Amino acid sequence: ANLPRRRKSTVTPMMLVSLLPVQMTHPEPMTAPASTAGHLELIV
């Protein structure tokens, strides 16, 4: 029963992300419209 299981990890080093807390300097809500046309690109 000493045979180790060799499963591939489902988490790769690229998937590990550390997010930092963000503090708003202006407590008033943003005035951006609820919906905008265009595109968004996130690289994480």
All heavy atoms as atom14 arrays in JSON, in Angstrom:
{
  "sequence": "ANLPRRRKSTVTPMMLVSLLPVQMTHPEPMTAPASTAGHLELIV",
  "atom14_mask": [
    [1, 1, 1, 1, 1, 0, 0, 0, 0, 0, 0, 0, 0, 0],
    [1, 1, 1, 1, 1, 1, 1, 1, 0, 0, 0, 0, 0, 0],
    [1, 1, 1, 1, 1, 1, 1, 1, 0, 0, 0, 0, 0, 0],
    [1, 1, 1, 1, 1, 1, 1, 0, 0, 0, 0, 0, 0, 0],
    [1, 1, 1, 1, 1, 1, 1, 1, 1, 1, 1, 0, 0, 0],
    [1, 1, 1, 1, 1, 1, 1, 1, 1, 1, 1, 0, 0, 0],
    [1, 1, 1, 1, 1, 1, 1, 1, 1, 1, 1, 0, 0, 0],
    [1, 1, 1, 1, 1, 1, 1, 1, 1, 0, 0, 0, 0, 0],
    [1, 1, 1, 1, 1, 1, 0, 0, 0, 0, 0, 0, 0, 0],
    [1, 1, 1, 1, 1, 1, 1, 0, 0, 0, 0, 0, 0, 0],
    [1, 1, 1, 1, 1, 1, 1, 0, 0, 0, 0, 0, 0, 0],
    [1, 1, 1, 1, 1, 1, 1, 0, 0, 0, 0, 0, 0, 0],
    [1, 1, 1, 1, 1, 1, 1, 0, 0, 0, 0, 0, 0, 0],
    [1, 1, 1, 1, 1, 1, 1, 1, 0, 0, 0, 0, 0, 0],
    [1, 1, 1, 1, 1, 1, 1, 1, 0, 0, 0, 0, 0, 0],
    [1, 1, 1, 1, 1, 1, 1, 1, 0, 0, 0, 0, 0, 0],
    [1, 1, 1, 1, 1, 1, 1, 0, 0, 0, 0, 0, 0, 0],
    [1, 1, 1, 1, 1, 1, 0, 0, 0, 0, 0, 0, 0, 0],
    [1, 1, 1, 1, 1, 1, 1, 1, 0, 0, 0, 0, 0, 0],
    [1, 1, 1, 1, 1, 1, 1, 1, 0, 0, 0, 0, 0, 0],
    [1, 1, 1, 1, 1, 1, 1, 0, 0, 0, 0, 0, 0, 0],
    [1, 1, 1, 1, 1, 1, 1, 0, 0, 0, 0, 0, 0, 0],
    [1, 1, 1, 1, 1, 1, 1, 1, 1, 0, 0, 0, 0, 0],
    [1, 1, 1, 1, 1, 1, 1, 1, 0, 0, 0, 0, 0, 0],
    [1, 1, 1, 1, 1, 1, 1, 0, 0, 0, 0, 0, 0, 0],
    [1, 1, 1, 1, 1, 1, 1, 1, 1, 1, 0, 0, 0, 0],
    [1, 1, 1, 1, 1, 1, 1, 0, 0, 0, 0, 0, 0, 0],
    [1, 1, 1, 1, 1, 1, 1, 1, 1, 0, 0, 0, 0, 0],
    [1, 1, 1, 1, 1, 1, 1, 0, 0, 0, 0, 0, 0, 0],
    [1, 1, 1, 1, 1, 1, 1, 1, 0, 0, 0, 0, 0, 0],
    [1, 1, 1, 1, 1, 1, 1, 0, 0, 0, 0, 0, 0, 0],
    [1, 1, 1, 1, 1, 0, 0, 0, 0, 0, 0, 0, 0, 0],
    [1, 1, 1, 1, 1, 1, 1, 0, 0, 0, 0, 0, 0, 0],
    [1, 1, 1, 1, 1, 0, 0, 0, 0, 0, 0, 0, 0, 0],
    [1, 1, 1, 1, 1, 1, 0, 0, 0, 0, 0, 0, 0, 0],
    [1, 1, 1, 1, 1, 1, 1, 0, 0, 0, 0, 0, 0, 0],
    [1, 1, 1, 1, 1, 0, 0, 0, 0, 0, 0, 0, 0, 0],
    [1, 1, 1, 1, 0, 0, 0, 0, 0, 0, 0, 0, 0, 0],
    [1, 1, 1, 1, 1, 1, 1, 1, 1, 1, 0, 0, 0, 0],
    [1, 1, 1, 1, 1, 1, 1, 1, 0, 0, 0, 0, 0, 0],
    [1, 1, 1, 1, 1, 1, 1, 1, 1, 0, 0, 0, 0, 0],
    [1, 1, 1, 1, 1, 1, 1, 1, 0, 0, 0, 0, 0, 0],
    [1, 1, 1, 1, 1, 1, 1, 1, 0, 0, 0, 0, 0, 0],
    [1, 1, 1, 1, 1, 1, 1, 0, 0, 0, 0, 0, 0, 0]
  ],
  "atom14_positions": [
    [[0.83, -1.22, 0.0], [0.0, 0.0, 0.0], [0.85, 1.25, 0.0], [0.36, 2.34, 0.26], [-0.92, -0.02, 1.21], [0.0, 0.0, 0.0], [0.0, 0.0, 0.0], [0.0, 0.0, 0.0], [0.0, 0.0, 0.0], [0.0, 0.0, 0.0], [0.0, 0.0, 0.0], [0.0, 0.0, 0.0], [0.0, 0.0, 0.0], [0.0, 0.0, 0.0]],
    [[2.15, 1.13, -0.27], [3.06, 2.26, -0.2], [3.19, 3.04, -1.5], [4.03, 3.91, -1.61], [4.46, 1.79, 0.23], [4.42, 1.15, 1.59], [3.6, 1.51, 2.42], [5.3, 0.19, 1.81], [0.0, 0.0, 0.0], [0.0, 0.0, 0.0], [0.0, 0.0, 0.0], [0.0, 0.0, 0.0], [0.0, 0.0, 0.0], [0.0, 0.0, 0.0]],
    [[2.39, 2.71, -2.49], [2.49, 3.4, -3.77], [1.82, 4.77, -3.67], [0.64, 4.86, -3.36], [1.81, 2.58, -4.88], [1.92, 3.12, -6.28], [3.37, 3.1, -6.75], [1.08, 2.29, -7.24], [0.0, 0.0, 0.0], [0.0, 0.0, 0.0], [0.0, 0.0, 0.0], [0.0, 0.0, 0.0], [0.0, 0.0, 0.0], [0.0, 0.0, 0.0]],
    [[2.58, 5.85, -3.88], [1.98, 7.18, -3.77], [1.11, 7.49, -4.97], [1.36, 7.05, -6.08], [3.2, 8.11, -3.74], [4.25, 7.36, -4.48], [3.99, 5.9, -4.21], [0.0, 0.0, 0.0], [0.0, 0.0, 0.0], [0.0, 0.0, 0.0], [0.0, 0.0, 0.0], [0.0, 0.0, 0.0], [0.0, 0.0, 0.0], [0.0, 0.0, 0.0]],
    [[0.05, 8.26, -4.73], [-0.8, 8.72, -5.83], [-0.13, 9.91, -6.47], [0.28, 10.84, -5.79], [-2.18, 9.09, -5.32], [-2.95, 7.85, -4.93], [-4.42, 8.09, -4.85], [-5.19, 8.13, -6.05], [-5.52, 7.1, -6.8], [-5.05, 5.93, -6.52], [-6.3, 7.25, -7.83], [0.0, 0.0, 0.0], [0.0, 0.0, 0.0], [0.0, 0.0, 0.0]],
    [[-0.01, 9.88, -7.78], [0.65, 10.98, -8.5], [-0.38, 11.74, -9.29], [-0.49, 11.6, -10.49], [1.72, 10.44, -9.44], [2.89, 9.85, -8.74], [3.95, 9.5, -9.75], [4.48, 8.19, -9.44], [4.94, 7.35, -10.32], [4.95, 7.64, -11.57], [5.4, 6.18, -9.95], [0.0, 0.0, 0.0], [0.0, 0.0, 0.0], [0.0, 0.0, 0.0]],
    [[-1.16, 12.54, -8.6], [-2.16, 13.36, -9.29], [-1.54, 14.7, -9.64], [-0.78, 15.26, -8.86], [-3.37, 13.59, -8.41], [-4.18, 12.35, -8.24], [-5.43, 12.68, -7.5], [-6.19, 11.46, -7.42], [-7.46, 11.39, -7.71], [-8.11, 12.44, -8.07], [-8.1, 10.25, -7.62], [0.0, 0.0, 0.0], [0.0, 0.0, 0.0], [0.0, 0.0, 0.0]],
    [[-1.93, 15.19, -10.78], [-1.48, 16.51, -11.16], [-2.28, 17.54, -10.38], [-3.47, 17.39, -10.18], [-1.66, 16.74, -12.66], [-0.73, 15.9, -13.49], [-0.86, 16.26, -14.93], [0.11, 15.44, -15.75], [0.04, 15.76, -17.15], [0.0, 0.0, 0.0], [0.0, 0.0, 0.0], [0.0, 0.0, 0.0], [0.0, 0.0, 0.0], [0.0, 0.0, 0.0]],
    [[-1.61, 18.56, -9.96], [-2.28, 19.61, -9.21], [-3.2, 20.38, -10.14], [-2.87, 20.67, -11.29], [-1.24, 20.55, -8.6], [-1.87, 21.63, -7.98], [0.0, 0.0, 0.0], [0.0, 0.0, 0.0], [0.0, 0.0, 0.0], [0.0, 0.0, 0.0], [0.0, 0.0, 0.0], [0.0, 0.0, 0.0], [0.0, 0.0, 0.0], [0.0, 0.0, 0.0]],
    [[-4.38, 20.73, -9.63], [-5.3, 21.51, -10.44], [-4.98, 23.0, -10.34], [-5.48, 23.78, -11.11], [-6.76, 21.29, -9.99], [-6.86, 21.59, -8.6], [-7.18, 19.85, -10.23], [0.0, 0.0, 0.0], [0.0, 0.0, 0.0], [0.0, 0.0, 0.0], [0.0, 0.0, 0.0], [0.0, 0.0, 0.0], [0.0, 0.0, 0.0], [0.0, 0.0, 0.0]],
    [[-4.13, 23.37, -9.38], [-3.74, 24.76, -9.23], [-2.34, 24.92, -9.79], [-1.41, 24.26, -9.37], [-3.76, 25.19, -7.75], [-3.29, 26.62, -7.59], [-5.14, 25.01, -7.16], [0.0, 0.0, 0.0], [0.0, 0.0, 0.0], [0.0, 0.0, 0.0], [0.0, 0.0, 0.0], [0.0, 0.0, 0.0], [0.0, 0.0, 0.0], [0.0, 0.0, 0.0]],
    [[-2.22, 25.77, -10.78], [-0.91, 26.04, -11.36], [-0.37, 27.33, -10.76], [-1.13, 28.14, -10.26], [-1.01, 26.18, -12.89], [-1.87, 27.28, -13.18], [-1.54, 24.91, -13.52], [0.0, 0.0, 0.0], [0.0, 0.0, 0.0], [0.0, 0.0, 0.0], [0.0, 0.0, 0.0], [0.0, 0.0, 0.0], [0.0, 0.0, 0.0], [0.0, 0.0, 0.0]],
    [[0.94, 27.53, -10.82], [1.49, 28.77, -10.26], [0.89, 30.03, -10.86], [0.8, 31.04, -10.2], [2.98, 28.67, -10.58], [3.25, 27.23, -10.73], [1.98, 26.64, -11.27], [0.0, 0.0, 0.0], [0.0, 0.0, 0.0], [0.0, 0.0, 0.0], [0.0, 0.0, 0.0], [0.0, 0.0, 0.0], [0.0, 0.0, 0.0], [0.0, 0.0, 0.0]],
    [[0.44, 29.95, -12.13], [-0.14, 31.13, -12.74], [-1.49, 31.49, -12.14], [-1.93, 32.6, -12.22], [-0.32, 30.91, -14.25], [0.93, 31.12, -15.04], [0.54, 31.33, -16.75], [0.91, 29.72, -17.35], [0.0, 0.0, 0.0], [0.0, 0.0, 0.0], [0.0, 0.0, 0.0], [0.0, 0.0, 0.0], [0.0, 0.0, 0.0], [0.0, 0.0, 0.0]],
    [[-2.18, 30.51, -11.53], [-3.5, 30.76, -10.99], [-3.45, 31.43, -9.63], [-4.43, 31.97, -9.16], [-4.29, 29.46, -10.88], [-4.69, 28.89, -12.22], [-5.47, 27.29, -12.09], [-6.95, 27.69, -11.19], [0.0, 0.0, 0.0], [0.0, 0.0, 0.0], [0.0, 0.0, 0.0], [0.0, 0.0, 0.0], [0.0, 0.0, 0.0], [0.0, 0.0, 0.0]],
    [[-2.3, 31.38, -8.96], [-2.2, 31.96, -7.64], [-2.08, 33.48, -7.75], [-1.17, 34.0, -8.36], [-1.0, 31.38, -6.89], [-1.05, 29.87, -6.68], [0.23, 29.41, -6.01], [-2.25, 29.48, -5.86], [0.0, 0.0, 0.0], [0.0, 0.0, 0.0], [0.0, 0.0, 0.0], [0.0, 0.0, 0.0], [0.0, 0.0, 0.0], [0.0, 0.0, 0.0]],
    [[-3.03, 34.17, -7.17], [-3.09, 35.62, -7.27], [-3.25, 36.17, -5.87], [-4.05, 35.66, -5.09], [-4.29, 36.06, -8.13], [-4.39, 37.57, -8.18], [-4.19, 35.48, -9.52], [0.0, 0.0, 0.0], [0.0, 0.0, 0.0], [0.0, 0.0, 0.0], [0.0, 0.0, 0.0], [0.0, 0.0, 0.0], [0.0, 0.0, 0.0], [0.0, 0.0, 0.0]],
    [[-2.53, 37.18, -5.55], [-2.76, 37.84, -4.27], [-3.4, 39.19, -4.55], [-2.87, 40.0, -5.29], [-1.46, 37.99, -3.49], [-0.52, 38.71, -4.26], [0.0, 0.0, 0.0], [0.0, 0.0, 0.0], [0.0, 0.0, 0.0], [0.0, 0.0, 0.0], [0.0, 0.0, 0.0], [0.0, 0.0, 0.0], [0.0, 0.0, 0.0], [0.0, 0.0, 0.0]],
    [[-4.56, 39.4, -3.97], [-5.28, 40.66, -4.14], [-5.05, 41.51, -2.9], [-5.12, 41.02, -1.77], [-6.77, 40.41, -4.34], [-7.13, 39.6, -5.58], [-8.63, 39.37, -5.62], [-6.7, 40.32, -6.84], [0.0, 0.0, 0.0], [0.0, 0.0, 0.0], [0.0, 0.0, 0.0], [0.0, 0.0, 0.0], [0.0, 0.0, 0.0], [0.0, 0.0, 0.0]],
    [[-4.76, 42.76, -3.12], [-4.51, 43.68, -2.03], [-5.77, 44.48, -1.73], [-6.52, 44.83, -2.65], [-3.38, 44.63, -2.39], [-2.04, 43.96, -2.72], [-1.03, 45.0, -3.19], [-1.51, 43.22, -1.52], [0.0, 0.0, 0.0], [0.0, 0.0, 0.0], [0.0, 0.0, 0.0], [0.0, 0.0, 0.0], [0.0, 0.0, 0.0], [0.0, 0.0, 0.0]],
    [[-6.03, 44.77, -0.47], [-7.21, 45.59, -0.17], [-7.02, 47.0, -0.7], [-5.92, 47.54, -0.7], [-7.27, 45.57, 1.36], [-5.92, 45.17, 1.8], [-5.31, 44.37, 0.71], [0.0, 0.0, 0.0], [0.0, 0.0, 0.0], [0.0, 0.0, 0.0], [0.0, 0.0, 0.0], [0.0, 0.0, 0.0], [0.0, 0.0, 0.0], [0.0, 0.0, 0.0]],
    [[-8.11, 47.57, -1.17], [-8.07, 48.92, -1.75], [-8.93, 49.83, -0.88], [-10.05, 49.47, -0.5], [-8.62, 48.9, -3.19], [-8.67, 50.3, -3.76], [-7.76, 48.0, -4.06], [0.0, 0.0, 0.0], [0.0, 0.0, 0.0], [0.0, 0.0, 0.0], [0.0, 0.0, 0.0], [0.0, 0.0, 0.0], [0.0, 0.0, 0.0], [0.0, 0.0, 0.0]],
    [[-8.42, 51.0, -0.56], [-9.19, 51.97, 0.19], [-9.53, 53.13, -0.72], [-8.68, 53.64, -1.44], [-8.4, 52.47, 1.4], [-8.16, 51.38, 2.43], [-7.41, 51.91, 3.63], [-6.87, 53.0, 3.6], [-7.37, 51.12, 4.68], [0.0, 0.0, 0.0], [0.0, 0.0, 0.0], [0.0, 0.0, 0.0], [0.0, 0.0, 0.0], [0.0, 0.0, 0.0]],
    [[-10.8, 53.52, -0.68], [-11.26, 54.64, -1.5], [-10.84, 55.94, -0.81], [-11.0, 56.09, 0.4], [-12.77, 54.61, -1.65], [-13.32, 53.36, -2.27], [-13.39, 53.39, -4.05], [-14.37, 54.81, -4.37], [0.0, 0.0, 0.0], [0.0, 0.0, 0.0], [0.0, 0.0, 0.0], [0.0, 0.0, 0.0], [0.0, 0.0, 0.0], [0.0, 0.0, 0.0]],
    [[-10.33, 56.88, -1.58], [-9.98, 58.17, -1.01], [-11.18, 59.1, -1.02], [-11.23, 60.06, -0.27], [-8.83, 58.81, -1.8], [-9.19, 58.88, -3.17], [-7.56, 57.99, -1.64], [0.0, 0.0, 0.0], [0.0, 0.0, 0.0], [0.0, 0.0, 0.0], [0.0, 0.0, 0.0], [0.0, 0.0, 0.0], [0.0, 0.0, 0.0], [0.0, 0.0, 0.0]],
    [[-12.17, 58.82, -1.9], [-13.38, 59.63, -1.98], [-14.57, 58.74, -1.61], [-14.94, 57.86, -2.37], [-13.58, 60.17, -3.41], [-12.41, 60.99, -3.87], [-12.16, 62.24, -3.39], [-11.44, 60.72, -4.77], [-11.07, 62.71, -3.97], [-10.6, 61.81, -4.81], [0.0, 0.0, 0.0], [0.0, 0.0, 0.0], [0.0, 0.0, 0.0], [0.0, 0.0, 0.0]],
    [[-15.18, 58.96, -0.46], [-16.26, 58.1, -0.03], [-17.55, 58.27, -0.83], [-18.42, 57.42, -0.79], [-16.49, 58.49, 1.43], [-15.89, 59.83, 1.58], [-14.82, 59.95, 0.54], [0.0, 0.0, 0.0], [0.0, 0.0, 0.0], [0.0, 0.0, 0.0], [0.0, 0.0, 0.0], [0.0, 0.0, 0.0], [0.0, 0.0, 0.0], [0.0, 0.0, 0.0]],
    [[-17.7, 59.32, -1.59], [-18.94, 59.53, -2.37], [-18.99, 58.54, -3.53], [-17.96, 58.15, -4.09], [-19.05, 60.97, -2.88], [-18.03, 61.38, -3.92], [-16.76, 61.96, -3.3], [-16.68, 62.11, -2.08], [-15.86, 62.28, -4.07], [0.0, 0.0, 0.0], [0.0, 0.0, 0.0], [0.0, 0.0, 0.0], [0.0, 0.0, 0.0], [0.0, 0.0, 0.0]],
    [[-20.18, 58.08, -3.9], [-20.32, 57.1, -4.98], [-19.88, 57.67, -6.32], [-19.98, 58.87, -6.56], [-21.8, 56.74, -4.98], [-22.47, 57.87, -4.27], [-21.46, 58.46, -3.33], [0.0, 0.0, 0.0], [0.0, 0.0, 0.0], [0.0, 0.0, 0.0], [0.0, 0.0, 0.0], [0.0, 0.0, 0.0], [0.0, 0.0, 0.0], [0.0, 0.0, 0.0]],
    [[-19.41, 56.8, -7.18], [-18.98, 57.21, -8.51], [-20.2, 57.53, -9.35], [-21.27, 56.95, -9.18], [-18.15, 56.1, -9.16], [-16.85, 55.85, -8.41], [-15.83, 54.5, -8.99], [-16.12, 54.38, -10.69], [0.0, 0.0, 0.0], [0.0, 0.0, 0.0], [0.0, 0.0, 0.0], [0.0, 0.0, 0.0], [0.0, 0.0, 0.0], [0.0, 0.0, 0.0]],
    [[-20.04, 58.42, -10.29], [-21.16, 58.85, -11.11], [-21.17, 58.19, -12.48], [-21.81, 58.66, -13.39], [-21.13, 60.39, -11.29], [-19.87, 60.73, -11.89], [-21.28, 61.1, -9.96], [0.0, 0.0, 0.0], [0.0, 0.0, 0.0], [0.0, 0.0, 0.0], [0.0, 0.0, 0.0], [0.0, 0.0, 0.0], [0.0, 0.0, 0.0], [0.0, 0.0, 0.0]],
    [[-20.47, 57.07, -12.62], [-20.44, 56.38, -13.91], [-21.79, 55.75, -14.18], [-22.5, 55.34, -13.25], [-19.36, 55.3, -13.89], [0.0, 0.0, 0.0], [0.0, 0.0, 0.0], [0.0, 0.0, 0.0], [0.0, 0.0, 0.0], [0.0, 0.0, 0.0], [0.0, 0.0, 0.0], [0.0, 0.0, 0.0], [0.0, 0.0, 0.0], [0.0, 0.0, 0.0]],
    [[-22.2, 55.67, -15.44], [-23.49, 55.05, -15.75], [-23.48, 53.56, -15.4], [-22.42, 52.94, -15.32], [-23.63, 55.26, -17.26], [-22.25, 55.53, -17.76], [-21.5, 56.14, -16.61], [0.0, 0.0, 0.0], [0.0, 0.0, 0.0], [0.0, 0.0, 0.0], [0.0, 0.0, 0.0], [0.0, 0.0, 0.0], [0.0, 0.0, 0.0], [0.0, 0.0, 0.0]],
    [[-24.66, 52.99, -15.2], [-24.78, 51.59, -14.83], [-24.32, 50.67, -15.94], [-23.91, 49.55, -15.71], [-26.22, 51.28, -14.43], [0.0, 0.0, 0.0], [0.0, 0.0, 0.0], [0.0, 0.0, 0.0], [0.0, 0.0, 0.0], [0.0, 0.0, 0.0], [0.0, 0.0, 0.0], [0.0, 0.0, 0.0], [0.0, 0.0, 0.0], [0.0, 0.0, 0.0]],
    [[-24.39, 51.12, -17.17], [-24.01, 50.29, -18.3], [-23.28, 51.15, -19.32], [-23.71, 52.25, -19.62], [-25.26, 49.67, -18.92], [-24.95, 49.06, -20.14], [0.0, 0.0, 0.0], [0.0, 0.0, 0.0], [0.0, 0.0, 0.0], [0.0, 0.0, 0.0], [0.0, 0.0, 0.0], [0.0, 0.0, 0.0], [0.0, 0.0, 0.0], [0.0, 0.0, 0.0]],
    [[-22.17, 50.65, -19.83], [-21.42, 51.37, -20.85], [-21.1, 50.44, -22.0], [-20.97, 49.24, -21.82], [-20.1, 51.93, -20.28], [-19.32, 50.84, -19.82], [-20.33, 52.9, -19.15], [0.0, 0.0, 0.0], [0.0, 0.0, 0.0], [0.0, 0.0, 0.0], [0.0, 0.0, 0.0], [0.0, 0.0, 0.0], [0.0, 0.0, 0.0], [0.0, 0.0, 0.0]],
    [[-21.0, 51.0, -23.19], [-20.63, 50.21, -24.36], [-19.11, 50.29, -24.52], [-18.51, 51.32, -24.25], [-21.33, 50.74, -25.6], [0.0, 0.0, 0.0], [0.0, 0.0, 0.0], [0.0, 0.0, 0.0], [0.0, 0.0, 0.0], [0.0, 0.0, 0.0], [0.0, 0.0, 0.0], [0.0, 0.0, 0.0], [0.0, 0.0, 0.0], [0.0, 0.0, 0.0]],
    [[-18.52, 49.23, -24.97], [-17.08, 49.21, -25.16], [-16.53, 47.84, -24.87], [-17.19, 46.84, -25.09], [0.0, 0.0, 0.0], [0.0, 0.0, 0.0], [0.0, 0.0, 0.0], [0.0, 0.0, 0.0], [0.0, 0.0, 0.0], [0.0, 0.0, 0.0], [0.0, 0.0, 0.0], [0.0, 0.0, 0.0], [0.0, 0.0, 0.0], [0.0, 0.0, 0.0]],
    [[-15.32, 47.82, -24.34], [-14.74, 46.53, -23.97], [-13.88, 46.69, -22.74], [-13.45, 47.78, -22.4], [-13.94, 45.93, -25.13], [-12.65, 46.63, -25.4], [-12.56, 47.77, -26.16], [-11.4, 46.35, -24.97], [-11.3, 48.16, -26.2], [-10.57, 47.32, -25.49], [0.0, 0.0, 0.0], [0.0, 0.0, 0.0], [0.0, 0.0, 0.0], [0.0, 0.0, 0.0]],
    [[-13.66, 45.56, -22.08], [-12.87, 45.53, -20.87], [-11.9, 44.37, -21.0], [-12.26, 43.3, -21.46], [-13.77, 45.3, -19.64], [-13.07, 45.08, -18.31], [-12.39, 46.36, -17.84], [-14.07, 44.61, -17.28], [0.0, 0.0, 0.0], [0.0, 0.0, 0.0], [0.0, 0.0, 0.0], [0.0, 0.0, 0.0], [0.0, 0.0, 0.0], [0.0, 0.0, 0.0]],
    [[-10.67, 44.6, -20.61], [-9.66, 43.54, -20.66], [-8.95, 43.48, -19.32], [-8.39, 44.46, -18.86], [-8.65, 43.83, -21.78], [-7.64, 42.74, -21.96], [-6.77, 42.97, -23.19], [-7.29, 43.35, -24.24], [-5.55, 42.75, -23.06], [0.0, 0.0, 0.0], [0.0, 0.0, 0.0], [0.0, 0.0, 0.0], [0.0, 0.0, 0.0], [0.0, 0.0, 0.0]],
    [[-9.04, 42.31, -18.67], [-8.37, 42.09, -17.39], [-7.29, 41.04, -17.59], [-7.53, 40.01, -18.21], [-9.35, 41.55, -16.34], [-10.5, 42.46, -15.93], [-11.49, 41.68, -15.08], [-9.97, 43.64, -15.16], [0.0, 0.0, 0.0], [0.0, 0.0, 0.0], [0.0, 0.0, 0.0], [0.0, 0.0, 0.0], [0.0, 0.0, 0.0], [0.0, 0.0, 0.0]],
    [[-6.11, 41.3, -17.07], [-5.04, 40.31, -17.11], [-4.72, 39.96, -15.67], [-4.24, 40.8, -14.91], [-3.8, 40.84, -17.85], [-4.17, 41.22, -19.28], [-2.69, 39.8, -17.82], [-3.06, 41.89, -20.04], [0.0, 0.0, 0.0], [0.0, 0.0, 0.0], [0.0, 0.0, 0.0], [0.0, 0.0, 0.0], [0.0, 0.0, 0.0], [0.0, 0.0, 0.0]],
    [[-5.03, 38.71, -15.3], [-4.82, 38.25, -13.93], [-3.97, 37.0, -13.99], [-4.38, 36.0, -14.57], [-6.17, 37.96, -13.23], [-5.94, 37.45, -11.82], [-7.05, 39.19, -13.23], [0.0, 0.0, 0.0], [0.0, 0.0, 0.0], [0.0, 0.0, 0.0], [0.0, 0.0, 0.0], [0.0, 0.0, 0.0], [0.0, 0.0, 0.0], [0.0, 0.0, 0.0]]
  ]
}
